[in-house]
């Protein structure tokens, strides 16, 4: 469930609230007169290629040179 907070409460406790959002990773909806006006969420950090493919490292099996040219003819799809 997304938390909501009024602009006035946000202003009074902004640094504390920002630290909580950074730790929890949750979004916060800011309201003005009970109407949602802003969405505050942490920035997603980009992961390196090593981090993305780490679970599959050493699990792929290659039986031929992937960079070698192929001599197979391909038929055009109609």
C-alpha atoms as a PDB file:
ATOM      1  CA  UNK A   1       0.000   0.000   0.000  1.00  0.00           C
ATOM      2  CA  UNK A   2       1.368   3.415  -0.960  1.00  0.00           C
ATOM      3  CA  UNK A   3       1.766   5.943   1.830  1.00  0.00           C
ATOM      4  CA  UNK A   4       0.256   9.389   1.538  1.00  0.00           C
ATOM      5  CA  UNK A   5       1.214  12.632   3.248  1.00  0.00           C
ATOM      6  CA  UNK A   6       0.013  16.214   3.046  1.00  0.00           C
ATOM      7  CA  UNK A   7       2.272  18.947   1.692  1.00  0.00           C
ATOM      8  CA  UNK A   8       2.415  20.643   5.081  1.00  0.00           C
ATOM      9  CA  UNK A   9       3.534  17.454   6.898  1.00  0.00           C
ATOM     10  CA  UNK A  10       6.078  16.772   4.154  1.00  0.00           C
ATOM     11  CA  UNK A  11       7.521  20.261   4.501  1.00  0.00           C
ATOM     12  CA  UNK A  12       7.892  19.910   8.273  1.00  0.00           C
ATOM     13  CA  UNK A  13       9.613  16.497   8.102  1.00  0.00           C
ATOM     14  CA  UNK A  14      11.144  16.398   4.639  1.00  0.00           C
ATOM     15  CA  UNK A  15      14.660  15.123   5.427  1.00  0.00           C
ATOM     16  CA  UNK A  16      13.396  12.384   7.718  1.00  0.00           C
ATOM     17  CA  UNK A  17      10.799  11.297   5.155  1.00  0.00           C
ATOM     18  CA  UNK A  18      13.352  11.281   2.329  1.00  0.00           C
ATOM     19  CA  UNK A  19      15.674   9.068   4.402  1.00  0.00           C
ATOM     20  CA  UNK A  20      12.806   6.645   5.056  1.00  0.00           C
ATOM     21  CA  UNK A  21      12.003   6.462   1.340  1.00  0.00           C
ATOM     22  CA  UNK A  22      15.670   5.820   0.507  1.00  0.00           C
ATOM     23  CA  UNK A  23      15.832   2.935   3.011  1.00  0.00           C
ATOM     24  CA  UNK A  24      12.460   1.338   2.275  1.00  0.00           C
ATOM     25  CA  UNK A  25      12.313   1.932  -1.488  1.00  0.00           C
ATOM     26  CA  UNK A  26       8.596   2.687  -1.185  1.00  0.00           C
ATOM     27  CA  UNK A  27       6.733   5.425  -3.013  1.00  0.00           C
ATOM     28  CA  UNK A  28       5.045   8.346  -1.293  1.00  0.00           C
ATOM     29  CA  UNK A  29       2.028  10.259  -2.606  1.00  0.00           C
ATOM     30  CA  UNK A  30       1.881  13.925  -1.590  1.00  0.00           C
ATOM     31  CA  UNK A  31      -1.577  15.441  -1.298  1.00  0.00           C
ATOM     32  CA  UNK A  32      -2.897  18.976  -1.419  1.00  0.00           C
ATOM     33  CA  UNK A  33      -6.347  19.346   0.146  1.00  0.00           C
ATOM     34  CA  UNK A  34      -6.737  15.555   0.011  1.00  0.00           C
ATOM     35  CA  UNK A  35      -5.979  15.433  -3.735  1.00  0.00           C
ATOM     36  CA  UNK A  36      -2.884  13.542  -4.913  1.00  0.00           C
ATOM     37  CA  UNK A  37      -0.460  16.003  -6.492  1.00  0.00           C
ATOM     38  CA  UNK A  38       3.029  14.464  -6.367  1.00  0.00           C
ATOM     39  CA  UNK A  39       4.637  11.054  -6.367  1.00  0.00           C
ATOM     40  CA  UNK A  40       7.995  10.688  -4.651  1.00  0.00           C
ATOM     41  CA  UNK A  41       9.968   7.533  -5.288  1.00  0.00           C
ATOM     42  CA  UNK A  42      13.624   6.530  -5.082  1.00  0.00           C
ATOM     43  CA  UNK A  43      15.709   6.533  -8.232  1.00  0.00           C
ATOM     44  CA  UNK A  44      16.517   3.051  -9.497  1.00  0.00           C
ATOM     45  CA  UNK A  45      20.239   2.504  -9.754  1.00  0.00           C
ATOM     46  CA  UNK A  46      21.446   1.006 -13.005  1.00  0.00           C
ATOM     47  CA  UNK A  47      23.076  -2.373 -12.614  1.00  0.00           C
ATOM     48  CA  UNK A  48      26.238  -3.408 -14.411  1.00  0.00           C
ATOM     49  CA  UNK A  49      26.224  -6.190 -16.999  1.00  0.00           C
ATOM     50  CA  UNK A  50      28.043  -8.420 -14.509  1.00  0.00           C
ATOM     51  CA  UNK A  51      25.267  -7.925 -11.950  1.00  0.00           C
ATOM     52  CA  UNK A  52      22.495  -8.554 -14.483  1.00  0.00           C
ATOM     53  CA  UNK A  53      23.960 -11.794 -15.863  1.00  0.00           C
ATOM     54  CA  UNK A  54      25.561 -13.130 -12.660  1.00  0.00           C
ATOM     55  CA  UNK A  55      22.874 -15.813 -12.055  1.00  0.00           C
ATOM     56  CA  UNK A  56      23.588 -17.390 -15.464  1.00  0.00           C
ATOM     57  CA  UNK A  57      27.391 -17.188 -15.366  1.00  0.00           C
ATOM     58  CA  UNK A  58      28.905 -20.580 -16.141  1.00  0.00           C
ATOM     59  CA  UNK A  59      25.559 -22.160 -17.045  1.00  0.00           C
ATOM     60  CA  UNK A  60      25.545 -21.592 -20.826  1.00  0.00           C
ATOM     61  CA  UNK A  61      26.992 -24.256 -23.076  1.00  0.00           C
ATOM     62  CA  UNK A  62      28.284 -23.232 -26.509  1.00  0.00           C
ATOM     63  CA  UNK A  63      29.027 -26.032 -28.959  1.00  0.00           C
ATOM     64  CA  UNK A  64      30.465 -23.954 -31.800  1.00  0.00           C
ATOM     65  CA  UNK A  65      32.090 -20.609 -32.483  1.00  0.00           C
ATOM     66  CA  UNK A  66      29.305 -18.013 -32.348  1.00  0.00           C
ATOM     67  CA  UNK A  67      31.362 -15.575 -34.447  1.00  0.00           C
ATOM     68  CA  UNK A  68      32.107 -18.009 -37.262  1.00  0.00           C
ATOM     69  CA  UNK A  69      30.283 -17.322 -40.544  1.00  0.00           C
ATOM     70  CA  UNK A  70      27.567 -19.764 -41.494  1.00  0.00           C
ATOM     71  CA  UNK A  71      27.259 -21.397 -44.881  1.00  0.00           C
ATOM     72  CA  UNK A  72      23.588 -22.295 -44.468  1.00  0.00           C
ATOM     73  CA  UNK A  73      21.131 -20.766 -46.903  1.00  0.00           C
ATOM     74  CA  UNK A  74      18.154 -19.006 -45.421  1.00  0.00           C
ATOM     75  CA  UNK A  75      14.831 -19.050 -47.160  1.00  0.00           C
ATOM     76  CA  UNK A  76      12.850 -15.829 -47.311  1.00  0.00           C
ATOM     77  CA  UNK A  77       9.568 -15.875 -45.412  1.00  0.00           C
ATOM     78  CA  UNK A  78       6.616 -15.023 -47.580  1.00  0.00           C
END
